[in-house]
Protein backbone atom coordinates (compact mmCIF):
# COMPACT_ATOMS: atom_id res chain seq x y z
CA UNK A 1 -69.68 -106.33 32.50
CA UNK A 2 -68.18 -109.61 31.27
CA UNK A 3 -66.31 -107.79 28.50
CA UNK A 4 -64.87 -105.33 31.00
CA UNK A 5 -63.77 -108.20 33.26
CA UNK A 6 -62.10 -110.03 30.37
CA UNK A 7 -60.18 -106.85 29.53
CA UNK A 8 -59.29 -106.26 33.21
CA UNK A 9 -61.39 -103.12 33.40
CA UNK A 10 -62.79 -104.05 36.78
CA UNK A 11 -63.85 -100.55 37.81
CA UNK A 12 -66.13 -100.32 34.80
CA UNK A 13 -67.50 -103.82 35.34
CA UNK A 14 -68.31 -103.02 38.96
CA UNK A 15 -69.97 -99.74 38.02
CA UNK A 16 -72.17 -101.45 35.43
CA UNK A 17 -73.26 -104.19 37.82
CA UNK A 18 -73.86 -101.81 40.74
CA UNK A 19 -76.13 -99.69 38.55
CA UNK A 20 -77.99 -102.78 37.35
CA UNK A 21 -78.40 -104.10 40.89
CA UNK A 22 -79.76 -100.75 42.05
CA UNK A 23 -82.42 -101.02 39.35
CA UNK A 24 -83.08 -104.76 39.58
CA UNK A 25 -81.92 -106.47 42.82
CA UNK A 26 -82.95 -109.93 41.59
CA UNK A 27 -81.14 -113.08 42.76
CA UNK A 28 -79.46 -113.41 39.36
CA UNK A 29 -78.12 -109.84 39.41
CA UNK A 30 -77.11 -110.24 43.05
CA UNK A 31 -75.08 -113.32 42.14
CA UNK A 32 -73.48 -111.56 39.17
CA UNK A 33 -72.52 -108.52 41.26
CA UNK A 34 -70.92 -110.84 43.83
CA UNK A 35 -68.89 -112.48 41.07
CA UNK A 36 -67.86 -109.10 39.70
CA UNK A 37 -66.67 -107.87 43.09
CA UNK A 38 -64.74 -111.12 43.56
CA UNK A 39 -63.13 -110.82 40.12
CA UNK A 40 -62.04 -107.31 41.10
CA UNK A 41 -60.78 -108.71 44.43
CA UNK A 42 -63.10 -106.33 46.27
CA UNK A 43 -63.86 -108.85 48.97
CA UNK A 44 -65.00 -106.30 51.53
CA UNK A 45 -67.66 -105.24 49.03
CA UNK A 46 -68.79 -108.86 48.69
CA UNK A 47 -69.25 -108.95 52.48
CA UNK A 48 -71.17 -105.69 52.42
CA UNK A 49 -73.39 -106.92 49.60
CA UNK A 50 -74.24 -110.24 51.27
CA UNK A 51 -74.87 -108.54 54.60
CA UNK A 52 -77.26 -106.09 52.93
CA UNK A 53 -79.07 -109.01 51.31
CA UNK A 54 -79.42 -110.69 54.71
CA UNK A 55 -80.88 -107.49 56.13
CA UNK A 56 -83.35 -107.41 53.25
CA UNK A 57 -84.35 -111.07 53.00
CA UNK A 58 -83.51 -112.46 56.43
CA UNK A 59 -80.70 -114.74 57.65
CA UNK A 60 -81.23 -117.84 55.52
CA UNK A 61 -79.00 -120.91 55.43
CA UNK A 62 -77.72 -120.08 51.96
CA UNK A 63 -77.01 -116.40 52.62
CA UNK A 64 -75.22 -117.07 55.91
CA UNK A 65 -73.13 -119.79 54.28
CA UNK A 66 -72.24 -117.35 51.50
CA UNK A 67 -71.41 -114.70 54.08
CA UNK A 68 -68.95 -117.08 55.70
CA UNK A 69 -67.15 -117.55 52.41
CA UNK A 70 -67.10 -113.81 51.76
CA UNK A 71 -65.70 -113.08 55.21
CA UNK A 72 -62.99 -115.69 54.77
CA UNK A 73 -61.97 -114.21 51.42
CA UNK A 74 -61.82 -110.81 53.11
CA UNK A 75 -59.33 -112.20 55.63
CA UNK A 76 -61.81 -112.45 58.48
CA UNK A 77 -61.65 -116.18 59.20
CA UNK A 78 -62.95 -115.99 62.78
CA UNK A 79 -65.99 -114.03 61.59
CA UNK A 80 -66.41 -116.55 58.78
CA UNK A 81 -66.54 -119.46 61.23
CA UNK A 82 -69.14 -117.56 63.25
CA UNK A 83 -71.25 -116.98 60.13
CA UNK A 84 -71.11 -120.68 59.27
CA UNK A 85 -72.25 -121.51 62.80
CA UNK A 86 -75.18 -119.15 62.32
CA UNK A 87 -75.95 -120.93 59.05
CA UNK A 88 -76.11 -124.31 60.79
CA UNK A 89 -78.37 -122.86 63.47
CA UNK A 90 -81.03 -122.01 60.87
CA UNK A 91 -81.79 -125.71 60.29
CA UNK A 92 -79.65 -127.92 62.53
CA UNK A 93 -81.70 -131.09 62.08
CA UNK A 94 -81.47 -131.24 58.29
CA UNK A 95 -78.84 -133.41 56.62
CA UNK A 96 -78.45 -130.89 53.79
CA UNK A 97 -77.49 -128.11 56.22
CA UNK A 98 -74.16 -129.69 57.12
CA UNK A 99 -73.43 -130.66 53.52
CA UNK A 100 -74.04 -127.12 52.24
CA UNK A 101 -72.06 -125.41 55.00
CA UNK A 102 -69.19 -127.90 54.71
CA UNK A 103 -69.09 -127.25 50.97
CA UNK A 104 -68.60 -123.52 51.57
CA UNK A 105 -65.94 -124.22 54.20
CA UNK A 106 -64.19 -126.61 51.80
CA UNK A 107 -64.25 -123.97 49.05
CA UNK A 108 -62.28 -121.81 51.50
CA UNK A 109 -59.75 -124.69 51.64
CA UNK A 110 -60.40 -125.21 55.34
CA UNK A 111 -60.57 -128.93 54.78
CA UNK A 112 -60.19 -130.06 58.38
CA UNK A 113 -62.94 -127.67 59.48
CA UNK A 114 -65.19 -128.81 56.65
CA UNK A 115 -64.69 -132.46 57.58
CA UNK A 116 -65.37 -131.66 61.22
CA UNK A 117 -68.65 -130.03 60.19
CA UNK A 118 -69.78 -133.22 58.44
CA UNK A 119 -68.73 -135.42 61.37
CA UNK A 120 -70.74 -133.12 63.61
CA UNK A 121 -73.68 -133.43 61.23
CA UNK A 122 -73.50 -137.22 61.42
CA UNK A 123 -73.75 -137.05 65.18
CA UNK A 124 -76.51 -134.47 65.25
CA UNK A 125 -78.79 -136.15 62.73
CA UNK A 126 -78.01 -139.61 64.14
CA UNK A 127 -76.75 -141.15 60.90
CA UNK A 128 -73.25 -142.58 61.14
CA UNK A 129 -73.33 -143.50 57.44
CA UNK A 130 -73.97 -140.00 56.10
CA UNK A 131 -71.55 -137.94 54.01
CA UNK A 132 -69.13 -140.79 53.24
CA UNK A 133 -68.09 -139.57 49.80
CA UNK A 134 -67.79 -135.94 50.90
CA UNK A 135 -65.73 -136.87 53.95
CA UNK A 136 -63.42 -139.08 51.93
CA UNK A 137 -62.76 -136.21 49.52
CA UNK A 138 -62.14 -133.72 52.33
CA UNK A 139 -59.84 -136.08 54.21
CA UNK A 140 -57.90 -136.64 51.01
CA UNK A 141 -57.46 -132.88 50.48
CA UNK A 142 -56.39 -132.49 54.11
CA UNK A 143 -53.79 -135.25 53.83
CA UNK A 144 -55.68 -137.56 56.18
CA UNK A 145 -55.30 -140.55 53.89
CA UNK A 146 -56.23 -143.14 56.49
CA UNK A 147 -59.45 -141.25 57.18
CA UNK A 148 -60.21 -141.08 53.48
CA UNK A 149 -59.60 -144.81 53.09
CA UNK A 150 -61.87 -145.57 56.05
CA UNK A 151 -64.68 -143.61 54.44
CA UNK A 152 -64.23 -145.25 51.06
CA UNK A 153 -64.24 -148.71 52.63
CA UNK A 154 -67.30 -147.74 54.61
CA UNK A 155 -68.96 -146.76 51.36
CA UNK A 156 -68.08 -150.17 49.99
CA UNK A 157 -69.62 -151.86 53.03
CA UNK A 158 -72.81 -149.87 52.48
CA UNK A 159 -73.01 -150.70 48.81
CA UNK A 160 -71.16 -153.65 47.37
CA UNK A 161 -71.92 -152.41 43.86
CA UNK A 162 -69.59 -149.44 44.43
CA UNK A 163 -66.40 -151.53 44.15
CA UNK A 164 -65.27 -150.04 40.84
CA UNK A 165 -65.93 -146.47 41.96
CA UNK A 166 -64.15 -146.98 45.30
CA UNK A 167 -61.18 -148.68 43.64
CA UNK A 168 -60.82 -145.85 41.10
CA UNK A 169 -60.94 -143.14 43.76
CA UNK A 170 -58.48 -144.91 46.02
CA UNK A 171 -56.08 -145.45 43.15
CA UNK A 172 -56.07 -141.69 42.55
CA UNK A 173 -55.67 -141.02 46.26
CA UNK A 174 -52.77 -143.42 46.70
CA UNK A 175 -50.68 -141.40 44.24
CA UNK A 176 -50.31 -138.59 46.78
CA UNK A 177 -47.04 -138.41 48.68
CA UNK A 178 -47.25 -140.37 51.91
CA UNK A 179 -50.63 -141.85 51.08
CA UNK A 180 -49.66 -145.42 50.17
CA UNK A 181 -48.57 -146.54 53.62
CA UNK A 182 -51.57 -145.01 55.40
CA UNK A 183 -54.06 -146.43 52.93
CA UNK A 184 -52.46 -149.87 52.90
CA UNK A 185 -52.69 -150.10 56.68
CA UNK A 186 -56.44 -149.43 56.51
CA UNK A 187 -57.10 -151.70 53.53
CA UNK A 188 -55.12 -154.60 55.01
CA UNK A 189 -57.32 -154.77 58.08
CA UNK A 190 -60.57 -154.54 56.12
CA UNK A 191 -62.55 -157.75 55.62
CA UNK A 192 -63.24 -156.87 51.98
CA UNK A 193 -59.66 -156.14 51.03
CA UNK A 194 -59.77 -158.77 48.31
CA UNK A 195 -62.08 -156.51 46.31
CA UNK A 196 -59.72 -153.57 46.45
CA UNK A 197 -56.59 -154.54 44.60
CA UNK A 198 -55.18 -151.09 43.91
CA UNK A 199 -52.13 -151.99 41.85
């Protein structure tokens, strides 16, 4: 199948993987068939495949999160958001739930929605310090540079040993257009600004 994909013979690759999955519907073959459908841009087939797996194995956190990504790629964003909500509902009190679902939402480049999922997770699990690095990255992708800086400085307040890591990440962030002013405003009002010389 890989050789067919490399030579752009997607129909043949799909046929090979569908036959293999019919014989051996293991998690590894399931994952490979999903990848093959995606390479062929047959996103509706990815949705169908994941939905059939949910019918077979039950609506798990991982499968529902994957379904959301498949639906988004198929152009069904509203259905994707609903699937991600169903994913959260499988284990709403676990910190990992929000991280995993937000990761899938972020892969769909819905950065604001992914960040909102993590903020919601913080509230639900009662940990205002959770997901700092993930939120900083998402805010940066979304162009919310002040939000990203707040999270990085919060990470620094949690762990003073993270100065070098925070400084390096903020230096990369500040290169984005429009980021310098927003980040400087946050850094200048932080009590540990002396540790974060970015130039």
